[in-house]
N, C-alpha and C. Protein backbone atom coordinates (compact mmCIF):
# COMPACT_ATOMS: atom_id res chain seq x y z
N MET A 1 -5.80 27.62 12.52
CA MET A 1 -6.09 26.56 11.85
C MET A 1 -7.57 26.00 12.07
N ASN A 2 -8.01 25.91 10.83
CA ASN A 2 -9.44 25.81 10.84
C ASN A 2 -9.45 24.14 10.91
N ARG A 3 -10.94 23.65 10.97
CA ARG A 3 -11.25 22.37 11.18
C ARG A 3 -10.89 21.58 9.85
N ASP A 4 -11.09 21.97 8.60
CA ASP A 4 -10.78 21.32 7.24
C ASP A 4 -9.17 21.12 7.37
N THR A 5 -8.57 21.94 7.73
CA THR A 5 -7.04 21.72 7.44
C THR A 5 -6.60 20.70 8.66
N LEU A 6 -7.05 20.94 9.81
CA LEU A 6 -6.66 19.87 10.90
C LEU A 6 -7.19 18.62 10.45
N ALA A 7 -8.28 18.31 9.91
CA ALA A 7 -8.71 17.08 9.29
C ALA A 7 -7.77 16.53 8.27
N LEU A 8 -7.50 17.32 7.41
CA LEU A 8 -6.59 17.24 6.24
C LEU A 8 -5.29 16.56 6.77
N TYR A 9 -4.48 17.27 7.45
CA TYR A 9 -3.43 16.77 8.14
C TYR A 9 -3.39 15.63 8.86
N SER A 10 -4.45 15.51 9.61
CA SER A 10 -4.61 14.21 10.57
C SER A 10 -4.71 12.99 9.34
N ILE A 11 -5.52 13.13 8.57
CA ILE A 11 -5.53 12.11 7.34
C ILE A 11 -4.23 11.69 6.72
N PHE A 12 -3.41 12.76 6.47
CA PHE A 12 -2.31 12.63 6.00
C PHE A 12 -1.36 11.53 6.98
N LEU A 13 -1.41 11.85 8.07
CA LEU A 13 -0.47 11.23 9.05
C LEU A 13 -1.06 9.76 9.14
N LEU A 14 -2.51 9.77 9.40
CA LEU A 14 -3.08 8.35 9.40
C LEU A 14 -2.90 7.58 8.34
N LEU A 15 -2.95 8.21 6.95
CA LEU A 15 -2.75 7.43 6.05
C LEU A 15 -1.37 6.70 5.79
N VAL A 16 -0.28 7.79 6.30
CA VAL A 16 1.04 7.22 6.20
C VAL A 16 1.30 6.01 7.15
N LEU A 17 0.80 6.16 8.33
CA LEU A 17 1.02 5.11 9.42
C LEU A 17 0.35 3.76 8.85
N LEU A 18 -0.79 4.05 8.34
CA LEU A 18 -1.85 2.84 8.07
C LEU A 18 -1.00 2.07 6.67
N GLN A 19 -0.55 2.78 5.72
CA GLN A 19 0.09 2.18 4.71
C GLN A 19 1.66 1.22 5.08
N VAL A 20 2.20 2.13 5.95
CA VAL A 20 3.61 1.64 6.25
C VAL A 20 3.44 0.34 7.34
N MET A 21 2.42 0.63 8.31
CA MET A 21 2.36 -0.48 9.07
C MET A 21 1.17 -1.75 9.04
N LEU A 22 0.43 -1.36 7.95
CA LEU A 22 -0.53 -2.31 7.72
C LEU A 22 -0.50 -2.85 6.41
N PHE A 23 -0.89 -1.76 5.48
CA PHE A 23 -1.03 -2.22 3.91
C PHE A 23 0.40 -2.67 3.27
N ASN A 24 1.49 -2.26 3.71
CA ASN A 24 2.75 -2.73 3.01
C ASN A 24 3.26 -4.20 3.59
N ASN A 25 2.22 -4.71 4.58
CA ASN A 25 2.63 -5.84 5.02
C ASN A 25 1.45 -6.99 4.68
N LEU A 26 0.44 -6.21 3.82
CA LEU A 26 -0.55 -7.09 3.44
C LEU A 26 -0.19 -7.49 1.88
N TYR A 27 -0.24 -8.68 1.71
CA TYR A 27 0.24 -9.33 0.27
C TYR A 27 -1.03 -10.21 -0.06
N LEU A 28 -2.10 -9.93 -0.72
CA LEU A 28 -2.95 -10.84 -1.18
C LEU A 28 -2.85 -11.62 -2.59
N PHE A 29 -2.82 -12.70 -2.22
CA PHE A 29 -2.47 -13.64 -3.12
C PHE A 29 -0.95 -13.70 -3.58
N GLY A 30 -0.28 -13.16 -2.49
CA GLY A 30 1.23 -13.40 -2.49
C GLY A 30 1.93 -12.09 -3.11
N PHE A 31 1.18 -11.10 -4.02
CA PHE A 31 1.84 -10.19 -4.76
C PHE A 31 1.21 -8.84 -4.74
N ILE A 32 -0.22 -8.90 -4.67
CA ILE A 32 -0.93 -7.59 -4.62
C ILE A 32 -1.12 -7.03 -3.08
N ASN A 33 -0.48 -5.59 -3.33
CA ASN A 33 0.02 -4.81 -2.12
C ASN A 33 -0.87 -3.54 -2.42
N PRO A 34 -2.11 -3.49 -1.60
CA PRO A 34 -3.01 -2.16 -1.99
C PRO A 34 -2.40 -0.89 -1.40
N MET A 35 -2.38 0.06 -2.19
CA MET A 35 -2.03 1.40 -1.92
C MET A 35 -2.98 2.44 -1.28
N VAL A 36 -3.51 2.33 -0.17
CA VAL A 36 -4.70 3.18 0.41
C VAL A 36 -4.08 4.67 0.66
N TYR A 37 -2.82 4.99 0.61
CA TYR A 37 -2.35 6.29 1.11
C TYR A 37 -2.81 7.17 -0.29
N LEU A 38 -3.26 6.75 -1.25
CA LEU A 38 -3.51 7.68 -2.28
C LEU A 38 -5.03 8.16 -2.10
N PHE A 39 -5.82 7.80 -0.91
CA PHE A 39 -6.89 8.51 -0.51
C PHE A 39 -6.64 9.83 -0.23
N PHE A 40 -5.63 10.09 0.34
CA PHE A 40 -5.26 11.71 0.53
C PHE A 40 -5.39 12.60 -0.89
N ILE A 41 -4.90 12.06 -1.93
CA ILE A 41 -5.05 12.75 -3.11
C ILE A 41 -6.43 12.79 -3.50
N VAL A 42 -7.26 11.85 -3.27
CA VAL A 42 -8.59 11.74 -3.58
C VAL A 42 -9.40 12.86 -2.86
N VAL A 43 -9.01 12.99 -1.44
CA VAL A 43 -9.76 13.76 -0.41
C VAL A 43 -9.26 15.36 -0.28
N TYR A 44 -8.36 15.65 -1.09
CA TYR A 44 -7.80 17.12 -0.97
C TYR A 44 -8.76 17.81 -1.87
N ARG A 45 -9.47 18.90 -1.48
CA ARG A 45 -10.26 19.79 -1.92
C ARG A 45 -9.77 20.22 -3.27
N PHE A 46 -10.78 20.15 -4.57
CA PHE A 46 -10.51 20.39 -5.76
C PHE A 46 -10.01 22.06 -5.89
N GLU A 47 -10.57 22.73 -5.25
CA GLU A 47 -10.17 24.13 -5.37
C GLU A 47 -9.25 24.65 -4.13
N ASN A 48 -8.65 23.98 -3.59
CA ASN A 48 -7.72 24.41 -2.74
C ASN A 48 -6.26 24.59 -3.50
N ASP A 49 -5.25 25.33 -2.72
CA ASP A 49 -4.18 25.59 -3.33
C ASP A 49 -3.48 24.43 -3.77
N GLN A 50 -3.00 24.46 -5.10
CA GLN A 50 -2.40 23.60 -5.95
C GLN A 50 -1.01 23.21 -5.53
N THR A 51 -0.28 24.35 -5.16
CA THR A 51 1.21 24.45 -4.86
C THR A 51 1.16 23.59 -3.56
N LEU A 52 0.30 23.86 -2.61
CA LEU A 52 0.66 23.16 -1.13
C LEU A 52 0.22 21.70 -1.52
N PHE A 53 -0.99 21.51 -2.45
CA PHE A 53 -1.23 19.97 -2.87
C PHE A 53 0.13 19.12 -3.44
N ILE A 54 0.76 19.85 -4.25
CA ILE A 54 2.06 19.41 -4.86
C ILE A 54 3.19 19.07 -3.77
N LEU A 55 3.11 19.98 -2.75
CA LEU A 55 4.17 19.99 -1.64
C LEU A 55 3.75 18.77 -0.97
N LEU A 56 2.39 18.51 -0.42
CA LEU A 56 2.03 17.44 0.42
C LEU A 56 2.15 16.28 -0.25
N SER A 57 2.01 16.18 -1.55
CA SER A 57 1.90 15.06 -2.31
C SER A 57 3.34 14.53 -2.36
N PHE A 58 4.44 15.28 -2.41
CA PHE A 58 5.70 14.93 -2.41
C PHE A 58 6.15 14.52 -1.14
N LEU A 59 5.65 15.17 -0.04
CA LEU A 59 5.92 14.57 1.24
C LEU A 59 5.26 13.26 1.52
N LEU A 60 3.93 12.98 1.17
CA LEU A 60 3.41 11.77 1.14
C LEU A 60 4.24 10.78 0.56
N GLY A 61 4.59 10.71 -0.48
CA GLY A 61 5.54 9.84 -1.35
C GLY A 61 6.72 9.72 -0.48
N PHE A 62 7.41 10.77 -0.33
CA PHE A 62 8.69 10.73 0.36
C PHE A 62 8.71 10.17 1.67
N ALA A 63 7.72 10.14 2.76
CA ALA A 63 7.28 9.59 3.87
C ALA A 63 7.17 7.99 3.58
N ILE A 64 6.15 7.73 2.58
CA ILE A 64 6.06 6.30 2.35
C ILE A 64 7.23 5.45 1.88
N ASP A 65 8.00 6.36 1.14
CA ASP A 65 9.33 5.68 0.69
C ASP A 65 10.42 5.55 1.81
N PHE A 66 10.58 6.60 2.54
CA PHE A 66 11.44 6.55 3.81
C PHE A 66 11.28 5.44 4.64
N LEU A 67 9.78 5.45 5.09
CA LEU A 67 9.31 4.33 6.04
C LEU A 67 9.33 2.96 5.44
N SER A 68 9.10 2.80 4.32
CA SER A 68 9.30 1.46 3.96
C SER A 68 10.47 1.19 2.82
N GLN A 69 11.20 2.02 3.08
CA GLN A 69 12.79 1.67 2.27
C GLN A 69 12.40 1.30 0.76
N SER A 70 11.56 2.04 0.07
CA SER A 70 11.35 1.61 -1.29
C SER A 70 12.08 2.36 -2.48
N GLY A 71 12.94 3.32 -2.05
CA GLY A 71 13.64 3.94 -3.12
C GLY A 71 13.58 4.74 -4.12
N GLY A 72 12.28 5.69 -3.63
CA GLY A 72 11.68 6.74 -4.33
C GLY A 72 10.67 6.60 -5.39
N ALA A 73 10.31 5.22 -5.40
CA ALA A 73 9.28 5.03 -6.61
C ALA A 73 7.77 5.58 -6.12
N HIS A 74 7.46 5.51 -4.68
CA HIS A 74 6.36 6.26 -4.38
C HIS A 74 6.25 7.73 -4.60
N THR A 75 7.46 8.28 -4.31
CA THR A 75 7.56 9.64 -4.48
C THR A 75 7.29 10.14 -5.72
N ILE A 76 7.96 9.51 -6.87
CA ILE A 76 7.94 9.89 -8.30
C ILE A 76 6.38 9.72 -8.74
N ALA A 77 5.82 8.77 -8.40
CA ALA A 77 4.60 8.07 -8.91
C ALA A 77 3.32 9.17 -8.38
N THR A 78 3.68 9.52 -6.94
CA THR A 78 2.73 10.32 -6.26
C THR A 78 2.83 11.91 -6.67
N LEU A 79 4.00 12.36 -6.86
CA LEU A 79 4.21 13.68 -7.42
C LEU A 79 3.75 13.64 -8.72
N THR A 80 3.83 12.84 -9.71
CA THR A 80 3.30 12.76 -11.15
C THR A 80 1.99 12.75 -11.22
N ILE A 81 1.07 12.11 -10.28
CA ILE A 81 -0.18 12.03 -9.78
C ILE A 81 -0.95 13.48 -9.75
N ALA A 82 0.11 14.19 -8.87
CA ALA A 82 -0.33 15.54 -8.26
C ALA A 82 -0.17 16.61 -9.52
N PHE A 83 0.66 16.41 -10.25
CA PHE A 83 0.95 17.29 -11.37
C PHE A 83 -0.25 16.74 -12.67
N LEU A 84 -0.77 15.79 -12.61
CA LEU A 84 -1.73 15.11 -13.70
C LEU A 84 -2.92 15.29 -13.11
N ARG A 85 -3.34 15.49 -11.85
CA ARG A 85 -4.67 15.49 -11.09
C ARG A 85 -5.65 16.64 -11.96
N PRO A 86 -5.27 17.78 -12.12
CA PRO A 86 -6.32 18.52 -12.96
C PRO A 86 -6.85 18.00 -14.24
N ILE A 87 -5.78 17.45 -15.06
CA ILE A 87 -6.28 16.58 -16.19
C ILE A 87 -7.07 15.44 -15.94
N ILE A 88 -6.91 14.69 -15.04
CA ILE A 88 -7.69 13.58 -14.69
C ILE A 88 -9.10 13.94 -14.10
N ILE A 89 -9.17 15.18 -13.31
CA ILE A 89 -10.42 15.69 -13.00
C ILE A 89 -11.28 16.12 -14.21
N ARG A 90 -10.65 16.81 -15.24
CA ARG A 90 -11.31 17.37 -16.16
C ARG A 90 -11.89 15.95 -17.11
N SER A 91 -10.86 15.13 -17.25
CA SER A 91 -11.25 13.84 -17.73
C SER A 91 -12.57 12.94 -17.18
N ALA A 92 -12.41 13.03 -16.30
CA ALA A 92 -13.40 12.28 -15.13
C ALA A 92 -14.68 13.10 -15.14
N PHE A 93 -14.84 14.36 -14.81
CA PHE A 93 -15.88 15.08 -14.57
C PHE A 93 -16.46 15.85 -16.00
N GLY A 94 -15.66 15.77 -17.02
CA GLY A 94 -15.92 16.70 -18.17
C GLY A 94 -15.41 17.98 -18.01
N VAL A 95 -15.13 18.67 -19.35
CA VAL A 95 -14.50 19.84 -19.50
C VAL A 95 -15.65 20.88 -19.40
N THR A 96 -16.75 20.56 -20.08
CA THR A 96 -17.79 21.64 -19.75
C THR A 96 -18.73 21.60 -18.70
N SER A 97 -18.83 20.62 -18.09
CA SER A 97 -19.81 20.40 -16.82
C SER A 97 -18.98 21.36 -15.65
N GLU A 98 -19.71 21.53 -14.64
CA GLU A 98 -19.24 21.89 -13.50
C GLU A 98 -18.57 21.11 -12.59
N ILE A 99 -17.41 21.42 -12.14
CA ILE A 99 -16.23 20.59 -11.45
C ILE A 99 -16.67 20.86 -9.78
N PRO A 100 -16.99 19.60 -9.24
CA PRO A 100 -17.35 19.99 -8.05
C PRO A 100 -16.21 20.60 -6.83
N SER A 101 -16.58 20.92 -5.86
CA SER A 101 -15.53 21.29 -4.81
C SER A 101 -14.57 20.39 -4.36
N SER A 102 -15.14 19.23 -4.18
CA SER A 102 -14.46 18.09 -3.69
C SER A 102 -15.02 16.91 -4.14
N PHE A 103 -14.51 15.85 -4.16
CA PHE A 103 -14.78 14.49 -4.46
C PHE A 103 -15.93 14.01 -3.64
N GLN A 104 -15.87 14.39 -2.33
CA GLN A 104 -16.80 13.87 -1.35
C GLN A 104 -18.33 14.65 -1.73
N ASN A 105 -18.27 15.77 -2.26
CA ASN A 105 -19.51 16.59 -2.46
C ASN A 105 -20.43 16.07 -3.63
N ASP A 106 -19.57 15.42 -4.77
CA ASP A 106 -20.26 15.35 -5.98
C ASP A 106 -20.99 14.08 -5.89
N SER A 107 -22.32 14.04 -6.49
CA SER A 107 -23.02 13.08 -6.60
C SER A 107 -23.30 11.98 -8.04
N ARG A 108 -22.32 12.31 -8.83
CA ARG A 108 -22.26 11.56 -9.97
C ARG A 108 -21.31 10.41 -9.81
N ILE A 109 -21.85 9.28 -9.82
CA ILE A 109 -21.37 7.94 -9.24
C ILE A 109 -20.25 7.64 -10.28
N LEU A 110 -20.66 7.73 -11.81
CA LEU A 110 -20.09 7.30 -12.80
C LEU A 110 -18.64 8.16 -12.85
N SER A 111 -18.69 9.40 -12.77
CA SER A 111 -17.72 10.26 -12.72
C SER A 111 -16.92 10.23 -11.65
N LYS A 112 -17.31 9.83 -10.38
CA LYS A 112 -16.50 9.66 -8.99
C LYS A 112 -15.64 8.30 -9.30
N THR A 113 -16.23 7.44 -9.77
CA THR A 113 -15.76 6.03 -10.25
C THR A 113 -14.70 6.29 -11.38
N ALA A 114 -14.77 7.07 -12.46
CA ALA A 114 -13.75 7.17 -13.37
C ALA A 114 -12.63 7.89 -12.80
N PHE A 115 -13.00 8.97 -12.16
CA PHE A 115 -11.78 9.61 -11.46
C PHE A 115 -10.79 8.82 -10.45
N LEU A 116 -11.45 8.03 -9.97
CA LEU A 116 -10.59 6.96 -8.91
C LEU A 116 -9.85 6.09 -9.81
N ALA A 117 -10.65 5.44 -10.96
CA ALA A 117 -10.09 4.49 -11.63
C ALA A 117 -8.82 5.22 -12.28
N LEU A 118 -8.97 6.20 -12.91
CA LEU A 118 -7.92 6.81 -13.69
C LEU A 118 -6.71 7.33 -12.81
N LEU A 119 -7.05 7.93 -11.54
CA LEU A 119 -6.00 8.29 -10.62
C LEU A 119 -5.19 7.08 -10.31
N ILE A 120 -5.62 5.95 -9.75
CA ILE A 120 -5.03 4.89 -9.30
C ILE A 120 -4.50 4.10 -10.37
N GLY A 121 -5.10 4.04 -11.31
CA GLY A 121 -4.43 3.15 -12.51
C GLY A 121 -3.22 3.80 -12.96
N VAL A 122 -3.14 5.25 -13.37
CA VAL A 122 -2.02 5.96 -13.60
C VAL A 122 -0.94 5.83 -12.41
N HIS A 123 -1.36 6.02 -11.32
CA HIS A 123 -0.24 6.05 -10.21
C HIS A 123 0.39 4.57 -10.42
N HIS A 124 -0.45 3.49 -10.27
CA HIS A 124 0.12 2.31 -10.31
C HIS A 124 0.85 1.88 -11.31
N LEU A 125 0.55 2.42 -12.55
CA LEU A 125 1.35 2.17 -13.73
C LEU A 125 2.77 2.85 -13.56
N ILE A 126 2.74 3.95 -13.31
CA ILE A 126 4.03 4.81 -13.09
C ILE A 126 4.71 3.80 -11.89
N TYR A 127 4.27 3.44 -10.88
CA TYR A 127 4.99 2.91 -9.83
C TYR A 127 5.40 1.72 -10.14
N TYR A 128 4.61 0.89 -10.95
CA TYR A 128 5.24 -0.49 -11.16
C TYR A 128 6.41 -0.34 -12.44
N SER A 129 6.28 0.68 -13.03
CA SER A 129 7.07 0.81 -14.30
C SER A 129 8.46 1.23 -13.48
N ILE A 130 8.35 1.83 -12.51
CA ILE A 130 9.72 2.47 -11.93
C ILE A 130 10.17 1.38 -11.21
N VAL A 131 9.38 0.46 -10.47
CA VAL A 131 10.07 -0.63 -9.80
C VAL A 131 10.64 -1.66 -10.47
N PHE A 132 9.93 -2.04 -11.65
CA PHE A 132 10.65 -3.05 -12.50
C PHE A 132 11.70 -2.56 -13.39
N PHE A 133 11.28 -1.52 -14.20
CA PHE A 133 12.13 -0.64 -14.93
C PHE A 133 13.04 -1.59 -15.80
N ASN A 134 12.06 -2.56 -16.56
CA ASN A 134 12.79 -3.37 -17.63
C ASN A 134 11.55 -3.79 -18.62
N TRP A 135 12.20 -3.75 -19.76
CA TRP A 135 10.97 -4.03 -21.14
C TRP A 135 10.45 -5.60 -20.83
N ASN A 136 11.48 -6.40 -20.41
CA ASN A 136 11.08 -7.62 -20.21
C ASN A 136 10.05 -7.82 -19.21
N ALA A 137 9.87 -7.10 -18.28
CA ALA A 137 8.90 -7.13 -17.25
C ALA A 137 7.64 -6.60 -17.70
N PHE A 138 7.33 -6.23 -18.81
CA PHE A 138 6.01 -5.57 -19.46
C PHE A 138 4.85 -6.24 -18.98
N TYR A 139 4.82 -7.44 -19.02
CA TYR A 139 3.42 -8.14 -18.79
C TYR A 139 3.36 -8.33 -17.13
N LEU A 140 4.53 -8.31 -16.54
CA LEU A 140 4.37 -8.23 -15.09
C LEU A 140 3.78 -6.86 -14.59
N ILE A 141 4.51 -5.97 -15.17
CA ILE A 141 4.00 -4.51 -15.02
C ILE A 141 2.50 -4.49 -14.93
N LEU A 142 2.13 -4.79 -16.30
CA LEU A 142 0.56 -4.78 -16.49
C LEU A 142 -0.45 -5.69 -15.68
N LYS A 143 0.02 -6.68 -15.08
CA LYS A 143 -0.56 -7.50 -14.21
C LYS A 143 -0.70 -6.99 -12.83
N ASN A 144 0.41 -6.57 -12.42
CA ASN A 144 0.65 -6.10 -10.97
C ASN A 144 -0.16 -4.71 -11.00
N THR A 145 -0.11 -4.07 -12.19
CA THR A 145 -0.91 -2.53 -12.19
C THR A 145 -2.45 -2.92 -12.07
N LEU A 146 -2.76 -3.88 -13.00
CA LEU A 146 -4.27 -4.05 -13.06
C LEU A 146 -4.87 -4.50 -11.68
N LEU A 147 -4.13 -5.71 -11.20
CA LEU A 147 -4.81 -6.33 -10.17
C LEU A 147 -4.57 -5.45 -8.94
N THR A 148 -3.45 -4.79 -8.68
CA THR A 148 -3.31 -3.96 -7.52
C THR A 148 -4.36 -2.61 -7.54
N SER A 149 -4.48 -2.31 -8.80
CA SER A 149 -5.50 -1.30 -8.86
C SER A 149 -6.84 -1.51 -8.54
N VAL A 150 -7.33 -2.67 -8.87
CA VAL A 150 -8.42 -3.18 -8.52
C VAL A 150 -8.79 -3.14 -6.90
N PHE A 151 -7.82 -3.72 -6.32
CA PHE A 151 -7.88 -3.83 -4.96
C PHE A 151 -7.59 -2.60 -4.23
N SER A 152 -7.04 -1.57 -4.85
CA SER A 152 -6.84 -0.38 -4.35
C SER A 152 -8.09 0.47 -4.54
N LEU A 153 -8.80 0.27 -5.57
CA LEU A 153 -9.77 1.15 -5.84
C LEU A 153 -10.93 0.84 -4.93
N ILE A 154 -11.19 -0.64 -4.57
CA ILE A 154 -12.25 -1.30 -3.81
C ILE A 154 -11.81 -0.70 -2.42
N LEU A 155 -10.59 -0.67 -1.68
CA LEU A 155 -10.51 -0.22 -0.42
C LEU A 155 -10.38 1.26 -0.37
N ILE A 156 -9.99 2.07 -1.36
CA ILE A 156 -10.21 3.62 -1.44
C ILE A 156 -11.84 3.86 -1.51
N ALA A 157 -12.56 3.24 -2.17
CA ALA A 157 -13.91 3.55 -2.31
C ALA A 157 -14.87 3.16 -0.85
N LEU A 158 -14.27 2.17 -0.06
CA LEU A 158 -14.85 1.72 1.10
C LEU A 158 -14.36 2.87 2.25
N VAL A 159 -13.01 3.40 2.08
CA VAL A 159 -12.44 4.27 2.86
C VAL A 159 -13.18 5.57 2.74
N SER A 160 -13.55 6.00 1.37
CA SER A 160 -14.22 7.23 0.81
C SER A 160 -15.38 7.25 1.49
N SER A 161 -16.30 6.08 1.34
CA SER A 161 -17.53 5.93 1.97
C SER A 161 -17.72 6.10 3.45
N LEU A 162 -16.87 5.62 4.10
CA LEU A 162 -16.73 5.62 5.49
C LEU A 162 -16.39 7.22 5.92
N TYR A 163 -15.57 7.79 5.16
CA TYR A 163 -15.16 8.88 5.41
C TYR A 163 -16.41 10.06 5.35
N LYS A 164 -17.05 9.77 4.31
CA LYS A 164 -18.29 10.57 3.82
C LYS A 164 -19.16 10.56 5.23
N LYS A 165 -19.36 9.38 5.52
CA LYS A 165 -20.41 9.07 6.63
C LYS A 165 -19.96 9.67 8.14
N LEU A 166 -18.84 9.48 8.27
CA LEU A 166 -17.96 10.40 9.60
C LEU A 166 -18.15 11.73 9.41
N ASN A 167 -18.08 12.34 8.13
CA ASN A 167 -17.94 13.86 7.78
C ASN A 167 -19.23 14.53 8.08
N ASP A 168 -20.50 13.48 7.54
CA ASP A 168 -21.73 14.14 7.63
C ASP A 168 -22.45 14.22 8.89
N SER A 169 -21.81 13.20 9.76
CA SER A 169 -22.49 13.10 11.24
C SER A 169 -21.97 14.25 12.16
């Protein structure tokens, strides 16, 4: 087992524990619950095995659902994002440009921000659509998706910059 694989599995376990123990109990303004566990989907290298990535994404969502007793919404949203990730990568970084080997190695700030925003926004839209699952809650779904996406984006960007600084040293 090499250093990158060990770091990936460590991040997986750390994010599950942080999400369940800390971020699931943090409600900003009474309803905003940031989902920082999506950082695993961001940090997984673009050129690595996609089958393993889909399996790990399923396990990530399942672990969050199991430990927070949320009924499968995290699993469905995380697994959907795992399948849509290549499309989101091409949308954010461009079809004709060279796609970086990982999110951390790319220097294009606008592309990285677009990738994070698309990934988090689609995940949260799917998640809240499943949680509320009612046409009458359409505005509630949009409100929660938008506000939670903003706070999740800020926290994941902060964690990403911290991770990059730790990785560079």
